[in-house]
């Protein structure tokens, strides 16, 4: 009995009083991180001064409410199922609650300096994965090499095109307008998403507008997937604008393909 009491006293002393769930990198690129969603969990997020990050929720989620204990040290911009955020003041430690149309998330927020842009502690994006979204099992911790390879393949296919099968894509696009830096090098779609490749993905990306049948423009959101800007729509025409530059993009196969 005495040994049991000593063990319990030691266990309670060393056991952490609080636990948070932290993101982890995938493959060789630790700046792209994932985090497994669990309800009633506090997620730890560390931002880095002078660098912006994205927290990405499920594709079927829309952000309803963001509440922070001390919001002024953070620059927060919600967009669809994503939050763009960056620490902008010292002593940025606080908490954040995010409520979407499906879930509630609790965050412990911290900020620190990065050594440089190659720092593996940086988070360019922190993406939540879920038990029921079909890719959770591939991201789960797996000690085998085959499991790790599968996770990387799944992440690549989820975030970007697999051009080893070009026959699966429509490349029949034309560009009109005065040549400029915003002219895409490559455009194609997979019947669901449209992919734009620009000369410098790290430079300022032009605003992308969808043009409807009445020639009305509506700005649309996009995400970055490797070397591509991904618009989660397929359309007959897009307009790209940046400063005084304007480029029109035409999907020549739009009327001949059943989208």
Protein backbone atom coordinates (compact mmCIF):
# COMPACT_ATOMS: atom_id res chain seq x y z
CA UNK A 1 0.00 0.00 0.00
CA UNK A 2 2.85 2.38 0.87
CA UNK A 3 4.48 1.75 -2.51
CA UNK A 4 1.18 2.47 -4.26
CA UNK A 5 0.76 5.75 -2.39
CA UNK A 6 4.32 6.82 -3.23
CA UNK A 7 3.75 5.96 -6.91
CA UNK A 8 0.48 7.90 -7.04
CA UNK A 9 2.07 10.91 -5.37
CA UNK A 10 4.94 10.88 -7.89
CA UNK A 11 2.56 10.38 -10.83
CA UNK A 12 0.36 13.30 -9.83
CA UNK A 13 3.41 15.48 -9.33
CA UNK A 14 4.91 14.90 -12.78
CA UNK A 15 1.66 14.63 -14.72
CA UNK A 16 1.02 17.89 -16.65
CA UNK A 17 -1.96 19.80 -15.35
CA UNK A 18 -2.97 20.99 -18.81
CA UNK A 19 -2.68 19.47 -22.25
CA UNK A 20 -2.91 21.07 -25.66
CA UNK A 21 -2.90 19.51 -29.11
CA UNK A 22 -0.17 20.81 -31.40
CA UNK A 23 0.14 20.68 -35.22
CA UNK A 24 2.72 18.49 -36.89
CA UNK A 25 4.47 18.64 -40.25
CA UNK A 26 3.95 16.22 -43.10
CA UNK A 27 6.74 14.78 -45.21
CA UNK A 28 9.81 16.94 -45.80
CA UNK A 29 7.94 20.26 -45.55
CA UNK A 30 7.38 20.97 -41.87
CA UNK A 31 6.00 24.44 -42.57
CA UNK A 32 2.86 22.76 -43.93
CA UNK A 33 1.17 21.32 -40.86
CA UNK A 34 -1.91 19.30 -39.98
CA UNK A 35 -3.76 18.79 -36.74
CA UNK A 36 -6.29 16.10 -35.91
CA UNK A 37 -9.63 17.49 -34.80
CA UNK A 38 -11.06 16.31 -31.50
CA UNK A 39 -14.01 17.96 -29.77
CA UNK A 40 -13.47 19.63 -26.39
CA UNK A 41 -9.76 20.04 -27.08
CA UNK A 42 -7.52 23.09 -26.78
CA UNK A 43 -5.33 23.50 -29.86
CA UNK A 44 -2.00 25.28 -29.51
CA UNK A 45 -1.12 27.74 -32.28
CA UNK A 46 2.22 29.55 -32.50
CA UNK A 47 2.47 32.47 -34.90
CA UNK A 48 5.70 34.16 -35.93
CA UNK A 49 6.35 37.87 -36.22
CA UNK A 50 6.51 39.24 -39.80
CA UNK A 51 5.01 36.00 -41.17
CA UNK A 52 1.35 35.30 -41.92
CA UNK A 53 -0.28 31.92 -41.42
CA UNK A 54 -3.51 30.20 -42.35
CA UNK A 55 -5.73 28.02 -40.18
CA UNK A 56 -7.90 25.93 -42.47
CA UNK A 57 -11.04 24.13 -41.31
CA UNK A 58 -13.19 21.57 -43.15
CA UNK A 59 -14.24 22.32 -46.72
CA UNK A 60 -17.90 22.24 -45.67
CA UNK A 61 -17.42 24.75 -42.84
CA UNK A 62 -18.10 28.47 -42.78
CA UNK A 63 -16.77 30.68 -40.00
CA UNK A 64 -19.54 32.33 -37.99
CA UNK A 65 -17.76 33.87 -35.00
CA UNK A 66 -14.19 34.58 -33.88
CA UNK A 67 -13.64 35.76 -30.31
CA UNK A 68 -10.25 36.53 -28.74
CA UNK A 69 -9.25 37.35 -25.17
CA UNK A 70 -6.94 40.14 -26.37
CA UNK A 71 -7.42 40.70 -30.11
CA UNK A 72 -5.14 43.73 -30.65
CA UNK A 73 -1.82 41.78 -30.85
CA UNK A 74 -3.16 39.76 -33.77
CA UNK A 75 -4.17 40.59 -37.32
CA UNK A 76 -7.12 38.31 -38.12
CA UNK A 77 -8.89 37.99 -41.50
CA UNK A 78 -11.56 35.27 -41.90
CA UNK A 79 -12.36 34.02 -45.40
CA UNK A 80 -14.76 31.13 -45.92
CA UNK A 81 -13.34 28.15 -44.03
CA UNK A 82 -9.95 29.81 -43.43
CA UNK A 83 -8.44 32.33 -41.06
CA UNK A 84 -5.46 34.41 -42.17
CA UNK A 85 -3.56 35.57 -39.11
CA UNK A 86 -0.32 37.24 -38.04
CA UNK A 87 1.00 38.48 -34.69
CA UNK A 88 1.67 42.22 -34.84
CA UNK A 89 2.43 43.19 -31.23
CA UNK A 90 4.59 41.93 -28.38
CA UNK A 91 3.08 39.73 -25.68
CA UNK A 92 0.56 38.15 -28.05
CA UNK A 93 -0.35 35.24 -25.76
CA UNK A 94 -4.12 34.95 -25.49
CA UNK A 95 -6.95 32.56 -26.30
CA UNK A 96 -9.25 32.34 -29.32
CA UNK A 97 -12.61 30.66 -29.86
CA UNK A 98 -13.84 29.97 -33.38
CA UNK A 99 -17.40 28.89 -34.08
CA UNK A 100 -18.28 27.56 -37.53
CA UNK A 101 -21.54 26.25 -38.91
CA UNK A 102 -20.49 22.76 -37.75
CA UNK A 103 -18.01 22.92 -34.87
CA UNK A 104 -16.47 24.92 -32.05
CA UNK A 105 -12.68 25.31 -31.73
CA UNK A 106 -10.61 26.49 -28.76
CA UNK A 107 -7.09 27.84 -29.32
CA UNK A 108 -4.18 28.78 -27.10
CA UNK A 109 -2.39 31.52 -29.02
CA UNK A 110 1.34 32.29 -28.79
CA UNK A 111 3.84 34.27 -30.88
CA UNK A 112 7.60 34.15 -31.26
CA UNK A 113 10.38 35.12 -33.65
CA UNK A 114 11.48 32.81 -36.46
CA UNK A 115 15.15 32.31 -37.30
CA UNK A 116 14.39 32.85 -41.01
CA UNK A 117 11.84 31.86 -43.62
CA UNK A 118 13.20 28.29 -43.67
CA UNK A 119 12.51 27.78 -39.97
CA UNK A 120 10.63 24.48 -39.60
CA UNK A 121 8.68 25.93 -36.68
CA UNK A 122 6.91 28.32 -39.04
CA UNK A 123 3.37 27.40 -40.00
CA UNK A 124 2.45 28.55 -43.49
CA UNK A 125 -0.81 26.64 -43.06
CA UNK A 126 -2.31 24.55 -40.27
CA UNK A 127 -5.00 22.32 -41.71
CA UNK A 128 -7.51 20.42 -39.61
CA UNK A 129 -8.27 16.84 -40.60
CA UNK A 130 -11.29 14.94 -39.35
CA UNK A 131 -12.16 11.29 -38.66
CA UNK A 132 -14.97 11.34 -41.22
CA UNK A 133 -13.37 13.27 -44.11
CA UNK A 134 -11.74 10.30 -45.82
CA UNK A 135 -8.14 11.43 -45.36
CA UNK A 136 -7.85 11.31 -41.58
CA UNK A 137 -6.58 7.75 -41.50
CA UNK A 138 -3.80 8.58 -43.97
CA UNK A 139 -2.64 11.45 -41.79
CA UNK A 140 -2.78 9.45 -38.56
CA UNK A 141 0.54 8.66 -36.95
CA UNK A 142 1.99 5.58 -38.61
CA UNK A 143 5.40 4.16 -37.82
CA UNK A 144 5.78 2.37 -41.14
CA UNK A 145 7.42 3.97 -44.18
CA UNK A 146 4.51 2.92 -46.36
CA UNK A 147 2.10 4.77 -44.06
CA UNK A 148 4.18 7.94 -44.21
CA UNK A 149 4.42 7.73 -48.01
CA UNK A 150 0.66 7.29 -48.26
CA UNK A 151 0.13 10.35 -46.07
CA UNK A 152 2.33 12.46 -48.34
CA UNK A 153 0.58 11.18 -51.46
CA UNK A 154 -2.82 11.90 -49.93
CA UNK A 155 -1.82 15.42 -48.92
CA UNK A 156 -0.49 16.14 -52.42
CA UNK A 157 -3.63 14.89 -54.14
CA UNK A 158 -5.84 16.77 -51.69
CA UNK A 159 -4.06 20.08 -52.14
CA UNK A 160 -2.87 20.02 -55.73
CA UNK A 161 -3.15 18.39 -59.16
CA UNK A 162 -1.49 15.10 -60.06
CA UNK A 163 -0.19 15.83 -63.56
CA UNK A 164 1.10 12.32 -64.07
CA UNK A 165 -2.34 11.76 -65.66
CA UNK A 166 -2.79 14.82 -67.92
CA UNK A 167 -5.68 13.15 -69.73
CA UNK A 168 -7.81 13.84 -66.65
CA UNK A 169 -7.53 17.61 -67.13
CA UNK A 170 -8.83 20.21 -69.56
CA UNK A 171 -6.00 22.42 -70.83
CA UNK A 172 -8.05 24.13 -73.54
CA UNK A 173 -7.74 27.72 -72.30
CA UNK A 174 -6.94 30.96 -74.12
CA UNK A 175 -5.65 34.26 -72.75
CA UNK A 176 -6.51 37.74 -73.99
CA UNK A 177 -5.02 41.06 -72.94
CA UNK A 178 -1.78 42.98 -72.87
CA UNK A 179 1.07 40.76 -71.73
CA UNK A 180 2.14 41.44 -68.15
CA UNK A 181 3.54 39.76 -65.07
CA UNK A 182 0.09 38.54 -64.06
CA UNK A 183 -0.34 36.44 -67.20
CA UNK A 184 -0.59 32.78 -66.12
CA UNK A 185 2.00 30.34 -67.44
CA UNK A 186 -0.51 27.51 -67.33
CA UNK A 187 -4.26 27.10 -66.81
CA UNK A 188 -6.29 23.91 -66.62
CA UNK A 189 -9.20 22.37 -64.72
CA UNK A 190 -10.29 18.96 -63.49
CA UNK A 191 -14.01 19.55 -63.95
CA UNK A 192 -14.34 20.87 -60.41
CA UNK A 193 -11.39 23.19 -59.71
CA UNK A 194 -9.43 25.55 -61.98
CA UNK A 195 -5.64 25.74 -61.59
CA UNK A 196 -3.52 28.81 -62.41
CA UNK A 197 0.28 28.74 -62.49
CA UNK A 198 2.02 32.12 -62.30
CA UNK A 199 5.62 33.16 -62.80
CA UNK A 200 6.16 33.87 -59.12
CA UNK A 201 3.72 32.32 -56.70
CA UNK A 202 5.39 34.26 -53.86
CA UNK A 203 4.67 37.62 -55.47
CA UNK A 204 1.34 39.39 -55.14
CA UNK A 205 -1.29 37.29 -56.86
CA UNK A 206 -3.86 39.14 -58.99
CA UNK A 207 -7.48 39.36 -57.95
CA UNK A 208 -9.44 36.65 -59.75
CA UNK A 209 -12.97 37.36 -60.93
CA UNK A 210 -15.51 34.91 -62.31
CA UNK A 211 -17.42 36.35 -65.28
CA UNK A 212 -21.01 35.16 -65.67
CA UNK A 213 -23.10 34.86 -68.84
CA UNK A 214 -24.18 38.51 -68.50
CA UNK A 215 -20.52 39.63 -68.36
CA UNK A 216 -20.80 40.53 -64.69
CA UNK A 217 -17.71 39.99 -62.58
CA UNK A 218 -17.64 38.55 -59.09
CA UNK A 219 -14.46 38.14 -57.06
CA UNK A 220 -13.82 34.59 -55.88
CA UNK A 221 -11.60 33.01 -53.26
CA UNK A 222 -8.64 30.81 -54.04
CA UNK A 223 -6.04 28.78 -52.20
CA UNK A 224 -2.38 28.01 -52.81
CA UNK A 225 -1.42 24.41 -53.63
CA UNK A 226 2.29 24.06 -54.29
CA UNK A 227 3.05 25.99 -57.48
CA UNK A 228 -0.62 26.58 -58.29
CA UNK A 229 -3.41 28.96 -57.38
CA UNK A 230 -6.55 26.86 -57.07
CA UNK A 231 -9.99 28.36 -57.72
CA UNK A 232 -12.68 26.03 -56.43
CA UNK A 233 -14.88 26.68 -59.46
CA UNK A 234 -14.91 26.00 -63.20
CA UNK A 235 -16.21 28.76 -65.49
CA UNK A 236 -16.30 29.87 -69.11
CA UNK A 237 -14.39 33.07 -68.35
CA UNK A 238 -12.21 34.59 -65.64
CA UNK A 239 -10.73 38.07 -65.36
CA UNK A 240 -7.43 38.68 -63.59
CA UNK A 241 -6.68 42.18 -62.32
CA UNK A 242 -3.69 43.73 -60.59
CA UNK A 243 -3.12 47.47 -60.63
CA UNK A 244 -3.56 48.63 -64.24
CA UNK A 245 -3.06 45.14 -65.67
CA UNK A 246 -6.03 43.06 -66.83
CA UNK A 247 -6.02 39.58 -68.34
CA UNK A 248 -9.05 37.64 -69.62
CA UNK A 249 -9.01 33.85 -69.47
CA UNK A 250 -11.37 31.79 -71.64
CA UNK A 251 -12.26 28.14 -71.11
CA UNK A 252 -12.64 26.99 -74.73
CA UNK A 253 -14.12 23.64 -73.68
CA UNK A 254 -16.70 24.96 -71.24
CA UNK A 255 -19.72 24.45 -73.53
CA UNK A 256 -18.54 21.07 -74.83
CA UNK A 257 -17.84 19.47 -71.45
CA UNK A 258 -20.55 18.47 -69.02
CA UNK A 259 -19.38 20.22 -65.86
